[in-house]
Amino acid sequence: MRAITYDWKSYFLDLMSDLTPGAFISILFLIFVLLIGLFAPWLAPFDQGEILTNESFEPPSSNLWLGSDFLGRDLLSRLICGVRVTLFLALLITFISFVMGVGVGFLAAAYGGKVDATISRINDALLSFPSLMLALIVINSLGSSFTVLVVTIAFIDMTRVYRVARALAVNIMVMDYVEAAIVRGEGKGWIILQEVLPNSLTPLAAEFGIRFTYAILFISALSFLGLGVQPPQSDLGVLVKENMQALLYGEYTNIYPAFTIAAIAISMNVFVDWLLKRSSAKLSDEI
């Protein structure tokens, strides 16, 4: 196997040319959701906290396209703002967990020996704690501010990213081109940045998508339990929780945010599956 070098323009053109219909639809939907989150303040018809009617769970109408929530607020506006909060937190959590997990994983693989063994055993110890239980303990102790949520979930997620990054780096470190770089006298930092990172970008990108989905589901679960995003802010998990009683009245108010969570997760998984299959096919051609 040879080292991978990227001509980024050609790489993305090649990427787009191999898109399957499912992956194409998934990418379009994810871009659509990201644009909604980005422009939420301008897309929301009303302020998310504004009470527009005295009737709870009012059916959809020309004024309230998705109806009202349990307090008479516009559900569409709250859903748009909830998407913004959920995506912002999930992206921030995933980015931080990847910076920590990939950095530590690559360093452990590059140095090996006692350094690798020590870091890996600490990581295994952290993985032994149930994720949700650990998050509940920390958040109950420190409060459920955005900072606590982001740092706690990113730290938990980092342990998973570390294992993937280390496994990739260990396999790459024994390749001929890496051994040639070591013989030339290249330092650990150069090898990590110039050899290990470029050759692991595609599987890491797929893992980023998986971790991003996990972060959305984790945030929504904590919010549903009342320990995530707190009022007056809302995310998708909060919207599901606070509108649960709508089902008793035959309304589907809480189905909309639940469907949004599911649609984002499914779209990301379809895209990641396509990316991994494409990566495996390319790898087979190069060997």
Protein backbone atom coordinates (compact mmCIF):
# COMPACT_ATOMS: atom_id res chain seq x y z
CA MET A 1 0.00 0.00 0.00
CA ARG A 2 1.29 3.44 -0.84
CA ALA A 3 0.98 6.74 1.00
CA ILE A 4 -2.03 8.83 0.07
CA THR A 5 -1.60 12.37 -1.13
CA TYR A 6 -4.57 14.59 -1.87
CA ASP A 7 -5.35 16.92 -4.72
CA TRP A 8 -8.38 18.28 -2.88
CA LYS A 9 -10.23 19.56 -5.96
CA SER A 10 -9.87 16.23 -7.77
CA TYR A 11 -10.69 14.36 -4.57
CA PHE A 12 -14.04 16.09 -4.06
CA LEU A 13 -14.95 15.87 -7.76
CA ASP A 14 -14.23 12.16 -7.60
CA LEU A 15 -16.25 11.92 -4.40
CA MET A 16 -19.28 13.56 -5.98
CA SER A 17 -19.07 11.38 -9.09
CA ASP A 18 -19.46 8.21 -7.00
CA LEU A 19 -22.58 9.32 -5.11
CA THR A 20 -25.39 6.80 -4.87
CA PRO A 21 -29.01 8.06 -4.91
CA GLY A 22 -29.36 7.36 -1.19
CA ALA A 23 -26.15 9.17 -0.31
CA PHE A 24 -27.13 12.10 -2.55
CA ILE A 25 -30.53 12.48 -0.87
CA SER A 26 -28.91 12.18 2.56
CA ILE A 27 -26.35 14.89 1.77
CA LEU A 28 -29.07 17.21 0.45
CA PHE A 29 -31.14 16.69 3.60
CA LEU A 30 -28.17 17.27 5.91
CA ILE A 31 -27.26 20.46 4.04
CA PHE A 32 -30.91 21.55 4.31
CA VAL A 33 -30.92 20.95 8.08
CA LEU A 34 -27.59 22.77 8.51
CA LEU A 35 -28.94 25.77 6.58
CA ILE A 36 -32.04 25.81 8.78
CA GLY A 37 -29.83 25.83 11.86
CA LEU A 38 -27.60 28.53 10.43
CA PHE A 39 -30.41 30.88 9.46
CA ALA A 40 -32.89 29.94 12.21
CA PRO A 41 -33.38 33.51 13.57
CA TRP A 42 -34.52 34.68 10.14
CA LEU A 43 -36.51 31.56 9.18
CA ALA A 44 -38.59 31.25 12.37
CA PRO A 45 -42.00 32.93 11.78
CA PHE A 46 -42.29 33.99 15.44
CA ASP A 47 -40.12 34.33 18.52
CA GLN A 48 -39.80 30.88 20.04
CA GLY A 49 -41.02 32.09 23.44
CA GLU A 50 -44.01 34.12 22.19
CA ILE A 51 -47.42 32.79 23.29
CA LEU A 52 -49.76 33.17 20.32
CA THR A 53 -52.89 31.36 21.49
CA ASN A 54 -54.58 30.38 24.72
CA GLU A 55 -55.27 26.89 23.38
CA SER A 56 -52.72 24.14 24.02
CA PHE A 57 -51.84 21.84 21.13
CA GLU A 58 -53.83 23.82 18.59
CA PRO A 59 -54.02 21.95 15.26
CA PRO A 60 -52.03 23.22 12.25
CA SER A 61 -53.48 26.26 10.54
CA SER A 62 -52.53 28.95 8.04
CA ASN A 63 -51.02 30.98 10.89
CA LEU A 64 -49.42 28.12 12.82
CA TRP A 65 -48.20 25.64 10.21
CA LEU A 66 -47.39 22.88 12.73
CA GLY A 67 -49.85 24.01 15.38
CA SER A 68 -49.03 25.19 18.88
CA ASP A 69 -47.23 23.55 21.78
CA PHE A 70 -48.48 22.97 25.34
CA LEU A 71 -48.22 26.71 26.15
CA GLY A 72 -49.69 27.99 22.88
CA ARG A 73 -46.35 28.85 21.25
CA ASP A 74 -45.65 28.33 17.57
CA LEU A 75 -44.23 24.81 17.23
CA LEU A 76 -42.56 25.51 13.88
CA SER A 77 -40.57 28.42 15.34
CA ARG A 78 -39.52 26.35 18.35
CA LEU A 79 -38.61 23.42 16.10
CA ILE A 80 -36.40 25.61 13.90
CA CYS A 81 -34.67 27.11 16.94
CA GLY A 82 -34.38 23.66 18.51
CA VAL A 83 -32.60 22.36 15.41
CA ARG A 84 -30.16 25.27 15.67
CA VAL A 85 -29.32 24.54 19.33
CA THR A 86 -29.05 20.77 18.79
CA LEU A 87 -26.77 21.09 15.74
CA PHE A 88 -24.57 23.72 17.38
CA LEU A 89 -24.03 21.62 20.50
CA ALA A 90 -23.52 18.38 18.53
CA LEU A 91 -20.98 19.94 16.15
CA LEU A 92 -19.07 21.58 19.00
CA ILE A 93 -19.02 18.36 21.03
CA THR A 94 -17.89 16.27 18.05
CA PHE A 95 -15.17 18.74 17.07
CA ILE A 96 -13.73 18.89 20.60
CA SER A 97 -13.89 15.12 21.05
CA PHE A 98 -12.09 14.61 17.74
CA VAL A 99 -9.34 17.11 18.50
CA MET A 100 -8.66 15.35 21.81
CA GLY A 101 -9.26 11.76 20.71
CA VAL A 102 -7.39 11.88 17.41
CA GLY A 103 -4.49 13.84 18.89
CA VAL A 104 -3.99 11.50 21.83
CA GLY A 105 -4.63 8.38 19.72
CA PHE A 106 -2.03 9.36 17.11
CA LEU A 107 0.53 10.22 19.79
CA ALA A 108 -0.02 6.89 21.56
CA ALA A 109 0.45 4.97 18.29
CA ALA A 110 3.49 7.02 17.26
CA TYR A 111 5.38 6.57 20.55
CA GLY A 112 4.17 3.05 21.33
CA GLY A 113 5.57 1.04 24.22
CA LYS A 114 4.78 2.21 27.74
CA VAL A 115 3.24 5.47 26.52
CA ASP A 116 0.73 3.61 24.37
CA ALA A 117 0.00 1.03 27.08
CA THR A 118 -0.53 3.64 29.81
CA ILE A 119 -2.84 5.85 27.75
CA SER A 120 -4.80 2.86 26.44
CA ARG A 121 -5.37 1.43 29.95
CA ILE A 122 -6.61 4.81 31.21
CA ASN A 123 -8.93 5.02 28.21
CA ASP A 124 -10.21 1.48 28.85
CA ALA A 125 -10.94 2.41 32.46
CA LEU A 126 -12.99 5.42 31.33
CA LEU A 127 -14.84 3.27 28.79
CA SER A 128 -15.89 0.88 31.56
CA PHE A 129 -18.24 3.53 33.02
CA PRO A 130 -21.73 3.61 31.43
CA SER A 131 -21.87 6.80 29.36
CA LEU A 132 -25.31 7.98 30.43
CA MET A 133 -24.68 7.26 34.11
CA LEU A 134 -21.38 9.16 34.03
CA ALA A 135 -23.04 12.12 32.31
CA LEU A 136 -25.91 12.16 34.82
CA ILE A 137 -23.49 12.18 37.76
CA VAL A 138 -21.40 15.04 36.36
CA ILE A 139 -24.35 17.17 35.23
CA ASN A 140 -26.23 16.66 38.51
CA SER A 141 -23.12 17.79 40.37
CA LEU A 142 -22.11 20.77 38.20
CA GLY A 143 -25.40 21.85 36.63
CA SER A 144 -26.67 21.64 33.06
CA SER A 145 -25.14 24.73 31.48
CA PHE A 146 -24.02 24.62 27.85
CA THR A 147 -20.38 24.50 28.98
CA VAL A 148 -20.93 21.52 31.29
CA LEU A 149 -22.94 19.67 28.62
CA VAL A 150 -20.33 20.22 25.90
CA VAL A 151 -17.29 19.34 28.03
CA THR A 152 -18.93 16.29 29.64
CA ILE A 153 -20.22 14.69 26.44
CA ALA A 154 -17.05 15.59 24.50
CA PHE A 155 -14.90 13.93 27.17
CA ILE A 156 -17.08 10.79 27.12
CA ASP A 157 -17.05 10.72 23.31
CA MET A 158 -13.29 11.28 23.17
CA THR A 159 -12.67 7.78 24.58
CA ARG A 160 -14.42 6.23 21.57
CA VAL A 161 -12.62 8.46 19.09
CA TYR A 162 -9.29 7.57 20.70
CA ARG A 163 -9.76 3.86 20.03
CA VAL A 164 -10.55 4.40 16.36
CA ALA A 165 -7.73 6.91 15.83
CA ARG A 166 -5.17 4.73 17.60
CA ALA A 167 -6.19 1.63 15.63
CA LEU A 168 -5.82 3.52 12.34
CA ALA A 169 -2.48 5.02 13.35
CA VAL A 170 -1.05 1.68 14.55
CA ASN A 171 -1.79 0.11 11.16
CA ILE A 172 -0.28 3.04 9.26
CA MET A 173 2.86 3.23 11.41
CA VAL A 174 4.05 -0.17 10.13
CA MET A 175 3.72 0.80 6.44
CA ASP A 176 6.82 1.00 4.24
CA TYR A 177 6.46 4.72 3.55
CA VAL A 178 6.36 5.47 7.30
CA GLU A 179 9.43 3.33 7.93
CA ALA A 180 11.18 5.17 5.09
CA ALA A 181 10.30 8.48 6.73
CA ILE A 182 11.74 7.24 10.04
CA VAL A 183 14.94 6.17 8.30
CA ARG A 184 15.18 9.65 6.74
CA GLY A 185 15.15 11.05 10.26
CA GLU A 186 11.68 12.61 10.23
CA GLY A 187 10.26 13.45 13.65
CA LYS A 188 7.09 12.10 15.22
CA GLY A 189 5.17 15.29 14.53
CA TRP A 190 6.06 15.26 10.83
CA ILE A 191 5.09 11.60 10.49
CA ILE A 192 1.74 12.18 12.21
CA LEU A 193 0.85 15.23 10.10
CA GLN A 194 2.30 14.15 6.76
CA GLU A 195 1.79 10.38 6.77
CA VAL A 196 -0.67 9.19 9.42
CA LEU A 197 -3.31 11.94 9.14
CA PRO A 198 -3.68 12.01 5.32
CA ASN A 199 -3.94 8.23 5.17
CA SER A 200 -6.69 8.09 7.79
CA LEU A 201 -8.89 11.00 6.69
CA THR A 202 -11.68 8.97 5.06
CA PRO A 203 -12.32 6.56 7.96
CA LEU A 204 -12.00 9.48 10.39
CA ALA A 205 -14.56 11.44 8.37
CA ALA A 206 -16.93 8.47 8.60
CA GLU A 207 -16.30 8.23 12.33
CA PHE A 208 -17.00 11.97 12.65
CA GLY A 209 -20.43 11.39 11.15
CA ILE A 210 -21.12 8.52 13.56
CA ARG A 211 -19.97 10.58 16.57
CA PHE A 212 -22.04 13.56 15.38
CA THR A 213 -25.16 11.38 15.32
CA TYR A 214 -24.27 9.98 18.74
CA ALA A 215 -23.90 13.51 20.13
CA ILE A 216 -27.35 14.51 18.84
CA LEU A 217 -28.95 11.43 20.40
CA PHE A 218 -27.05 11.91 23.68
CA ILE A 219 -28.02 15.58 23.99
CA SER A 220 -31.65 14.79 23.15
CA ALA A 221 -31.72 11.96 25.72
CA LEU A 222 -30.35 14.22 28.46
CA SER A 223 -32.82 16.96 27.56
CA PHE A 224 -35.68 14.45 27.60
CA LEU A 225 -34.61 13.46 31.12
CA GLY A 226 -34.58 17.13 32.15
CA LEU A 227 -30.78 17.43 32.51
CA GLY A 228 -29.90 18.79 29.08
CA VAL A 229 -30.83 22.14 27.57
CA GLN A 230 -32.93 24.14 30.03
CA PRO A 231 -35.85 26.54 29.39
CA PRO A 232 -36.28 29.09 27.94
CA GLN A 233 -33.82 27.52 25.44
CA SER A 234 -35.01 24.41 23.63
CA ASP A 235 -33.52 21.60 21.63
CA LEU A 236 -35.17 18.65 19.92
CA GLY A 237 -35.13 16.53 23.08
CA VAL A 238 -36.82 19.27 25.09
CA LEU A 239 -39.54 19.62 22.43
CA VAL A 240 -40.30 15.90 22.59
CA LYS A 241 -40.48 15.93 26.39
CA GLU A 242 -42.58 19.04 26.94
CA ASN A 243 -45.21 18.04 24.36
CA MET A 244 -45.70 14.41 25.43
CA GLN A 245 -49.27 15.12 26.57
CA ALA A 246 -50.26 15.99 23.00
CA LEU A 247 -50.70 12.28 22.28
CA LEU A 248 -53.50 12.17 24.86
CA TYR A 249 -55.41 14.71 22.75
CA GLY A 250 -54.79 12.94 19.46
CA GLU A 251 -52.28 15.54 18.28
CA TYR A 252 -48.81 14.87 16.89
CA THR A 253 -46.98 17.86 18.35
CA ASN A 254 -44.14 15.82 19.83
CA ILE A 255 -43.83 13.63 16.73
CA TYR A 256 -42.31 16.46 14.67
CA PRO A 257 -39.12 16.89 16.77
CA ALA A 258 -38.83 13.12 17.23
CA PHE A 259 -39.07 12.64 13.46
CA THR A 260 -36.44 15.34 12.95
CA ILE A 261 -34.02 13.54 15.27
CA ALA A 262 -34.63 10.25 13.45
CA ALA A 263 -34.29 11.82 9.98
CA ILE A 264 -30.95 13.44 10.85
CA ALA A 265 -29.62 10.20 12.36
CA ILE A 266 -30.75 8.05 9.41
CA SER A 267 -29.40 10.50 6.82
CA MET A 268 -26.02 10.67 8.53
CA ASN A 269 -25.85 6.87 8.82
CA VAL A 270 -26.69 6.41 5.12
CA PHE A 271 -23.97 8.90 4.19
CA VAL A 272 -21.42 7.24 6.49
CA ASP A 273 -22.25 3.77 5.13
CA TRP A 274 -21.68 5.01 1.58
CA LEU A 275 -18.42 6.71 2.57
CA LEU A 276 -17.09 3.55 4.23
CA LYS A 277 -18.07 1.33 1.29
CA ARG A 278 -16.42 3.74 -1.12
CA SER A 279 -13.30 3.86 1.04
CA SER A 280 -13.13 0.04 1.14
CA ALA A 281 -13.52 -0.19 -2.64
CA LYS A 282 -10.77 2.39 -3.24
CA LEU A 283 -8.49 0.63 -0.78
CA SER A 284 -8.98 -2.69 -2.57
CA ASP A 285 -8.02 -1.07 -5.87
CA GLU A 286 -4.83 0.39 -4.42
CA ILE A 287 -3.55 -2.79 -2.78
